[in-house]
């Protein structure tokens, strides 16, 4: 094999190892995700908001329920998701995802009157859209808001909510899990870094 081809093959192999093999180990991915992680373990406030998040929503709902049970927040805000989801045998029909979220929190022991579902909102920048949507629905008495999301998503969420909410509302980050145990750790991390860069640049 010619030297030029050997160098190309070696470069491709090194790139594969560096960008595919090594980051596939959870501990390595946790290190790569560490700059995205920000949380206050003792977070408490006048309310908490659970960010939407596909299948990672369940770890976030668990964390929000814990905050209520620990007496750190009196109520939970979450954005409705009207998309049709699984069939509910008891109800005899399919429920929306938002209905399942509320049902899950109630199953976790959160009183239904402490759950406040706000209308859904669409936007290209999802987290920014959520932050602006909550700003228009948040009770005037909320002065400390705990935002609950997955560990690798926390820095971008904190940036978006601090910029969208009134200055008199303190925003406290609370990660649903540590980095190593977050389901979001298995998603491409470079996308989260790219989104964070865009948020910093545009807002």
C-alpha atoms as a PDB file:
ATOM      1  CA  UNK A   1       0.000   0.000   0.000  1.00  0.00           C
ATOM      2  CA  UNK A   2       1.284   3.459  -0.872  1.00  0.00           C
ATOM      3  CA  UNK A   3       2.394   5.785   1.990  1.00  0.00           C
ATOM      4  CA  UNK A   4      -0.356   8.309   1.160  1.00  0.00           C
ATOM      5  CA  UNK A   5      -3.015   5.639   1.429  1.00  0.00           C
ATOM      6  CA  UNK A   6      -1.503   4.377   4.669  1.00  0.00           C
ATOM      7  CA  UNK A   7      -1.635   7.879   6.151  1.00  0.00           C
ATOM      8  CA  UNK A   8      -5.249   8.286   5.055  1.00  0.00           C
ATOM      9  CA  UNK A   9      -6.217   4.901   6.515  1.00  0.00           C
ATOM     10  CA  UNK A  10      -4.420   5.718   9.774  1.00  0.00           C
ATOM     11  CA  UNK A  11      -6.159   9.119   9.968  1.00  0.00           C
ATOM     12  CA  UNK A  12      -9.558   7.513   9.369  1.00  0.00           C
ATOM     13  CA  UNK A  13      -8.881   4.876  12.012  1.00  0.00           C
ATOM     14  CA  UNK A  14      -7.763   7.485  14.544  1.00  0.00           C
ATOM     15  CA  UNK A  15     -10.842   9.570  13.797  1.00  0.00           C
ATOM     16  CA  UNK A  16     -13.107   6.562  14.237  1.00  0.00           C
ATOM     17  CA  UNK A  17     -11.513   5.711  17.574  1.00  0.00           C
ATOM     18  CA  UNK A  18     -11.561   9.316  18.816  1.00  0.00           C
ATOM     19  CA  UNK A  19     -15.072  10.260  17.737  1.00  0.00           C
ATOM     20  CA  UNK A  20     -16.945   6.946  17.783  1.00  0.00           C
ATOM     21  CA  UNK A  21     -15.290   4.326  19.974  1.00  0.00           C
ATOM     22  CA  UNK A  22     -14.050   6.408  22.908  1.00  0.00           C
ATOM     23  CA  UNK A  23     -17.247   8.529  23.309  1.00  0.00           C
ATOM     24  CA  UNK A  24     -19.332   5.342  23.329  1.00  0.00           C
ATOM     25  CA  UNK A  25     -18.228   4.640  26.919  1.00  0.00           C
ATOM     26  CA  UNK A  26     -20.704   6.143  29.436  1.00  0.00           C
ATOM     27  CA  UNK A  27     -17.985   7.511  31.716  1.00  0.00           C
ATOM     28  CA  UNK A  28     -16.312   9.280  28.817  1.00  0.00           C
ATOM     29  CA  UNK A  29     -19.647  10.708  27.692  1.00  0.00           C
ATOM     30  CA  UNK A  30     -20.281  11.914  31.234  1.00  0.00           C
ATOM     31  CA  UNK A  31     -16.982  13.809  31.150  1.00  0.00           C
ATOM     32  CA  UNK A  32     -17.870  15.296  27.762  1.00  0.00           C
ATOM     33  CA  UNK A  33     -21.283  16.336  29.083  1.00  0.00           C
ATOM     34  CA  UNK A  34     -19.962  17.841  32.336  1.00  0.00           C
ATOM     35  CA  UNK A  35     -19.756  21.457  31.020  1.00  0.00           C
ATOM     36  CA  UNK A  36     -23.468  21.249  30.146  1.00  0.00           C
ATOM     37  CA  UNK A  37     -24.421  20.285  33.689  1.00  0.00           C
ATOM     38  CA  UNK A  38     -25.525  22.853  36.246  1.00  0.00           C
ATOM     39  CA  UNK A  39     -27.790  22.180  39.223  1.00  0.00           C
ATOM     40  CA  UNK A  40     -28.582  23.215  42.773  1.00  0.00           C
ATOM     41  CA  UNK A  41     -29.115  20.049  44.777  1.00  0.00           C
ATOM     42  CA  UNK A  42     -31.007  21.912  47.500  1.00  0.00           C
ATOM     43  CA  UNK A  43     -33.235  23.820  45.088  1.00  0.00           C
ATOM     44  CA  UNK A  44     -36.491  25.175  46.462  1.00  0.00           C
ATOM     45  CA  UNK A  45     -38.934  27.786  45.269  1.00  0.00           C
ATOM     46  CA  UNK A  46     -42.511  28.961  44.846  1.00  0.00           C
ATOM     47  CA  UNK A  47     -43.098  26.510  41.983  1.00  0.00           C
ATOM     48  CA  UNK A  48     -41.262  24.261  39.587  1.00  0.00           C
ATOM     49  CA  UNK A  49     -41.547  23.829  35.852  1.00  0.00           C
ATOM     50  CA  UNK A  50     -40.899  20.493  34.129  1.00  0.00           C
ATOM     51  CA  UNK A  51     -39.437  20.902  30.666  1.00  0.00           C
ATOM     52  CA  UNK A  52     -40.826  18.793  27.843  1.00  0.00           C
ATOM     53  CA  UNK A  53     -38.464  16.147  26.578  1.00  0.00           C
ATOM     54  CA  UNK A  54     -39.631  13.070  24.722  1.00  0.00           C
ATOM     55  CA  UNK A  55     -38.892   9.935  26.695  1.00  0.00           C
ATOM     56  CA  UNK A  56     -36.646  11.822  29.118  1.00  0.00           C
ATOM     57  CA  UNK A  57     -39.795  13.458  30.483  1.00  0.00           C
ATOM     58  CA  UNK A  58     -40.258  10.580  32.920  1.00  0.00           C
ATOM     59  CA  UNK A  59     -37.015  11.213  34.800  1.00  0.00           C
ATOM     60  CA  UNK A  60     -37.985  14.876  34.976  1.00  0.00           C
ATOM     61  CA  UNK A  61     -41.471  14.120  36.305  1.00  0.00           C
ATOM     62  CA  UNK A  62     -39.945  11.879  38.978  1.00  0.00           C
ATOM     63  CA  UNK A  63     -37.651  14.677  40.109  1.00  0.00           C
ATOM     64  CA  UNK A  64     -40.515  17.191  40.221  1.00  0.00           C
ATOM     65  CA  UNK A  65     -42.624  14.819  42.303  1.00  0.00           C
ATOM     66  CA  UNK A  66     -39.714  14.464  44.719  1.00  0.00           C
ATOM     67  CA  UNK A  67     -39.488  18.247  45.078  1.00  0.00           C
ATOM     68  CA  UNK A  68     -43.158  18.383  46.074  1.00  0.00           C
ATOM     69  CA  UNK A  69     -42.848  15.509  48.541  1.00  0.00           C
ATOM     70  CA  UNK A  70     -39.733  17.062  50.099  1.00  0.00           C
ATOM     71  CA  UNK A  71     -41.649  20.302  50.635  1.00  0.00           C
ATOM     72  CA  UNK A  72     -39.330  22.319  48.405  1.00  0.00           C
ATOM     73  CA  UNK A  73     -42.004  23.489  45.963  1.00  0.00           C
ATOM     74  CA  UNK A  74     -45.783  23.700  46.448  1.00  0.00           C
ATOM     75  CA  UNK A  75     -46.798  23.112  42.832  1.00  0.00           C
ATOM     76  CA  UNK A  76     -45.673  21.857  39.437  1.00  0.00           C
ATOM     77  CA  UNK A  77     -46.123  23.594  36.088  1.00  0.00           C
ATOM     78  CA  UNK A  78     -45.867  21.612  32.889  1.00  0.00           C
ATOM     79  CA  UNK A  79     -46.768  22.306  29.300  1.00  0.00           C
ATOM     80  CA  UNK A  80     -49.590  20.280  27.798  1.00  0.00           C
ATOM     81  CA  UNK A  81     -48.814  17.822  25.032  1.00  0.00           C
ATOM     82  CA  UNK A  82     -51.999  17.139  23.047  1.00  0.00           C
ATOM     83  CA  UNK A  83     -50.415  14.434  20.868  1.00  0.00           C
ATOM     84  CA  UNK A  84     -52.368  11.178  21.082  1.00  0.00           C
ATOM     85  CA  UNK A  85     -50.536   8.500  23.018  1.00  0.00           C
ATOM     86  CA  UNK A  86     -51.202   5.053  24.451  1.00  0.00           C
ATOM     87  CA  UNK A  87     -54.596   3.514  25.056  1.00  0.00           C
ATOM     88  CA  UNK A  88     -55.944   3.789  28.587  1.00  0.00           C
ATOM     89  CA  UNK A  89     -57.916   0.676  29.501  1.00  0.00           C
ATOM     90  CA  UNK A  90     -59.692   2.336  32.437  1.00  0.00           C
ATOM     91  CA  UNK A  91     -60.845   5.278  30.325  1.00  0.00           C
ATOM     92  CA  UNK A  92     -61.652   3.114  27.294  1.00  0.00           C
ATOM     93  CA  UNK A  93     -59.804   5.424  24.897  1.00  0.00           C
ATOM     94  CA  UNK A  94     -56.402   6.750  24.000  1.00  0.00           C
ATOM     95  CA  UNK A  95     -55.059   9.559  26.145  1.00  0.00           C
ATOM     96  CA  UNK A  96     -52.912  12.472  25.106  1.00  0.00           C
ATOM     97  CA  UNK A  97     -49.323  12.520  26.316  1.00  0.00           C
ATOM     98  CA  UNK A  98     -50.137  15.501  28.532  1.00  0.00           C
ATOM     99  CA  UNK A  99     -52.929  13.557  30.221  1.00  0.00           C
ATOM    100  CA  UNK A 100     -50.541  10.694  30.896  1.00  0.00           C
ATOM    101  CA  UNK A 101     -48.032  13.120  32.448  1.00  0.00           C
ATOM    102  CA  UNK A 102     -50.617  14.370  34.918  1.00  0.00           C
ATOM    103  CA  UNK A 103     -51.796  10.842  35.672  1.00  0.00           C
ATOM    104  CA  UNK A 104     -48.208   9.777  36.336  1.00  0.00           C
ATOM    105  CA  UNK A 105     -47.622  12.629  38.782  1.00  0.00           C
ATOM    106  CA  UNK A 106     -50.844  11.756  40.601  1.00  0.00           C
ATOM    107  CA  UNK A 107     -49.705   8.123  40.705  1.00  0.00           C
ATOM    108  CA  UNK A 108     -46.465   9.393  42.259  1.00  0.00           C
ATOM    109  CA  UNK A 109     -48.562  10.960  45.003  1.00  0.00           C
ATOM    110  CA  UNK A 110     -48.723  14.574  43.833  1.00  0.00           C
ATOM    111  CA  UNK A 111     -52.216  16.004  44.513  1.00  0.00           C
ATOM    112  CA  UNK A 112     -53.951  16.948  41.270  1.00  0.00           C
ATOM    113  CA  UNK A 113     -54.638  20.475  42.545  1.00  0.00           C
ATOM    114  CA  UNK A 114     -50.898  21.064  42.757  1.00  0.00           C
ATOM    115  CA  UNK A 115     -50.381  20.363  39.050  1.00  0.00           C
ATOM    116  CA  UNK A 116     -50.839  23.281  36.687  1.00  0.00           C
ATOM    117  CA  UNK A 117     -50.964  22.437  32.999  1.00  0.00           C
ATOM    118  CA  UNK A 118     -50.387  25.349  30.644  1.00  0.00           C
ATOM    119  CA  UNK A 119     -51.344  25.374  26.982  1.00  0.00           C
ATOM    120  CA  UNK A 120     -48.844  24.023  24.492  1.00  0.00           C
ATOM    121  CA  UNK A 121     -46.824  26.287  22.223  1.00  0.00           C
ATOM    122  CA  UNK A 122     -44.933  25.629  19.019  1.00  0.00           C
ATOM    123  CA  UNK A 123     -41.638  27.145  18.006  1.00  0.00           C
ATOM    124  CA  UNK A 124     -38.440  26.299  16.165  1.00  0.00           C
ATOM    125  CA  UNK A 125     -36.347  26.748  19.315  1.00  0.00           C
ATOM    126  CA  UNK A 126     -38.216  24.458  21.701  1.00  0.00           C
ATOM    127  CA  UNK A 127     -36.664  25.403  25.025  1.00  0.00           C
ATOM    128  CA  UNK A 128     -36.828  29.119  24.259  1.00  0.00           C
ATOM    129  CA  UNK A 129     -40.468  28.698  23.213  1.00  0.00           C
ATOM    130  CA  UNK A 130     -41.247  26.905  26.482  1.00  0.00           C
ATOM    131  CA  UNK A 131     -39.609  29.657  28.503  1.00  0.00           C
ATOM    132  CA  UNK A 132     -41.584  32.400  26.756  1.00  0.00           C
ATOM    133  CA  UNK A 133     -44.782  30.395  27.021  1.00  0.00           C
ATOM    134  CA  UNK A 134     -44.342  29.924  30.757  1.00  0.00           C
ATOM    135  CA  UNK A 135     -43.614  33.631  31.186  1.00  0.00           C
ATOM    136  CA  UNK A 136     -47.123  34.381  29.925  1.00  0.00           C
ATOM    137  CA  UNK A 137     -48.749  31.841  32.276  1.00  0.00           C
ATOM    138  CA  UNK A 138     -46.732  32.113  35.471  1.00  0.00           C
ATOM    139  CA  UNK A 139     -48.620  33.321  38.545  1.00  0.00           C
ATOM    140  CA  UNK A 140     -47.616  36.778  39.718  1.00  0.00           C
ATOM    141  CA  UNK A 141     -46.732  35.439  43.159  1.00  0.00           C
ATOM    142  CA  UNK A 142     -43.928  33.213  41.869  1.00  0.00           C
ATOM    143  CA  UNK A 143     -40.595  34.831  42.689  1.00  0.00           C
ATOM    144  CA  UNK A 144     -38.438  31.705  42.777  1.00  0.00           C
ATOM    145  CA  UNK A 145     -38.919  29.165  40.000  1.00  0.00           C
ATOM    146  CA  UNK A 146     -37.176  25.798  39.958  1.00  0.00           C
ATOM    147  CA  UNK A 147     -36.737  24.429  36.439  1.00  0.00           C
ATOM    148  CA  UNK A 148     -36.429  20.650  36.140  1.00  0.00           C
ATOM    149  CA  UNK A 149     -34.755  19.034  33.167  1.00  0.00           C
ATOM    150  CA  UNK A 150     -32.247  16.329  32.274  1.00  0.00           C
ATOM    151  CA  UNK A 151     -28.621  16.861  33.271  1.00  0.00           C
ATOM    152  CA  UNK A 152     -27.087  17.572  29.819  1.00  0.00           C
ATOM    153  CA  UNK A 153     -29.900  20.013  29.031  1.00  0.00           C
ATOM    154  CA  UNK A 154     -29.629  22.162  32.145  1.00  0.00           C
ATOM    155  CA  UNK A 155     -27.205  24.910  31.062  1.00  0.00           C
ATOM    156  CA  UNK A 156     -29.198  25.761  27.934  1.00  0.00           C
ATOM    157  CA  UNK A 157     -32.493  25.599  29.836  1.00  0.00           C
ATOM    158  CA  UNK A 158     -31.161  27.931  32.522  1.00  0.00           C
ATOM    159  CA  UNK A 159     -29.977  30.406  29.889  1.00  0.00           C
ATOM    160  CA  UNK A 160     -33.321  30.398  28.087  1.00  0.00           C
ATOM    161  CA  UNK A 161     -35.486  30.789  31.188  1.00  0.00           C
ATOM    162  CA  UNK A 162     -33.378  33.510  32.774  1.00  0.00           C
ATOM    163  CA  UNK A 163     -33.629  35.530  29.587  1.00  0.00           C
ATOM    164  CA  UNK A 164     -37.345  34.930  29.047  1.00  0.00           C
ATOM    165  CA  UNK A 165     -38.725  35.444  32.553  1.00  0.00           C
ATOM    166  CA  UNK A 166     -39.002  38.811  34.305  1.00  0.00           C
ATOM    167  CA  UNK A 167     -35.881  39.912  36.169  1.00  0.00           C
ATOM    168  CA  UNK A 168     -37.695  39.678  39.509  1.00  0.00           C
ATOM    169  CA  UNK A 169     -38.144  35.915  39.048  1.00  0.00           C
ATOM    170  CA  UNK A 170     -35.121  33.951  40.245  1.00  0.00           C
ATOM    171  CA  UNK A 171     -34.565  30.794  38.170  1.00  0.00           C
ATOM    172  CA  UNK A 172     -33.016  27.835  39.986  1.00  0.00           C
ATOM    173  CA  UNK A 173     -31.759  24.813  38.009  1.00  0.00           C
ATOM    174  CA  UNK A 174     -32.505  21.315  39.272  1.00  0.00           C
ATOM    175  CA  UNK A 175     -31.250  18.357  37.255  1.00  0.00           C
ATOM    176  CA  UNK A 176     -33.497  15.305  37.317  1.00  0.00           C
ATOM    177  CA  UNK A 177     -30.514  12.963  37.776  1.00  0.00           C
ATOM    178  CA  UNK A 178     -26.757  13.167  37.802  1.00  0.00           C
ATOM    179  CA  UNK A 179     -25.018  13.154  34.433  1.00  0.00           C
ATOM    180  CA  UNK A 180     -24.128   9.453  34.456  1.00  0.00           C
ATOM    181  CA  UNK A 181     -27.728   8.333  35.014  1.00  0.00           C
ATOM    182  CA  UNK A 182     -29.500  10.667  32.616  1.00  0.00           C
ATOM    183  CA  UNK A 183     -31.224   9.050  29.676  1.00  0.00           C
ATOM    184  CA  UNK A 184     -30.264  12.094  27.632  1.00  0.00           C
ATOM    185  CA  UNK A 185     -26.608  11.115  27.960  1.00  0.00           C
ATOM    186  CA  UNK A 186     -27.221   8.561  25.209  1.00  0.00           C
ATOM    187  CA  UNK A 187     -28.257  11.208  22.695  1.00  0.00           C
ATOM    188  CA  UNK A 188     -25.643  12.980  20.505  1.00  0.00           C
ATOM    189  CA  UNK A 189     -23.894  15.483  22.760  1.00  0.00           C
ATOM    190  CA  UNK A 190     -22.576  17.621  19.939  1.00  0.00           C
ATOM    191  CA  UNK A 191     -26.145  18.649  19.132  1.00  0.00           C
ATOM    192  CA  UNK A 192     -26.612  20.025  22.643  1.00  0.00           C
ATOM    193  CA  UNK A 193     -23.348  21.984  22.382  1.00  0.00           C
ATOM    194  CA  UNK A 194     -24.425  23.356  19.003  1.00  0.00           C
ATOM    195  CA  UNK A 195     -27.817  24.422  20.383  1.00  0.00           C
ATOM    196  CA  UNK A 196     -26.165  26.083  23.365  1.00  0.00           C
ATOM    197  CA  UNK A 197     -23.869  28.044  21.050  1.00  0.00           C
ATOM    198  CA  UNK A 198     -26.865  29.210  19.014  1.00  0.00           C
ATOM    199  CA  UNK A 199     -28.711  30.315  22.154  1.00  0.00           C
ATOM    200  CA  UNK A 200     -25.718  32.326  23.325  1.00  0.00           C
ATOM    201  CA  UNK A 201     -25.270  33.909  19.904  1.00  0.00           C
ATOM    202  CA  UNK A 202     -28.907  34.864  19.254  1.00  0.00           C
ATOM    203  CA  UNK A 203     -30.145  35.807  22.726  1.00  0.00           C
END
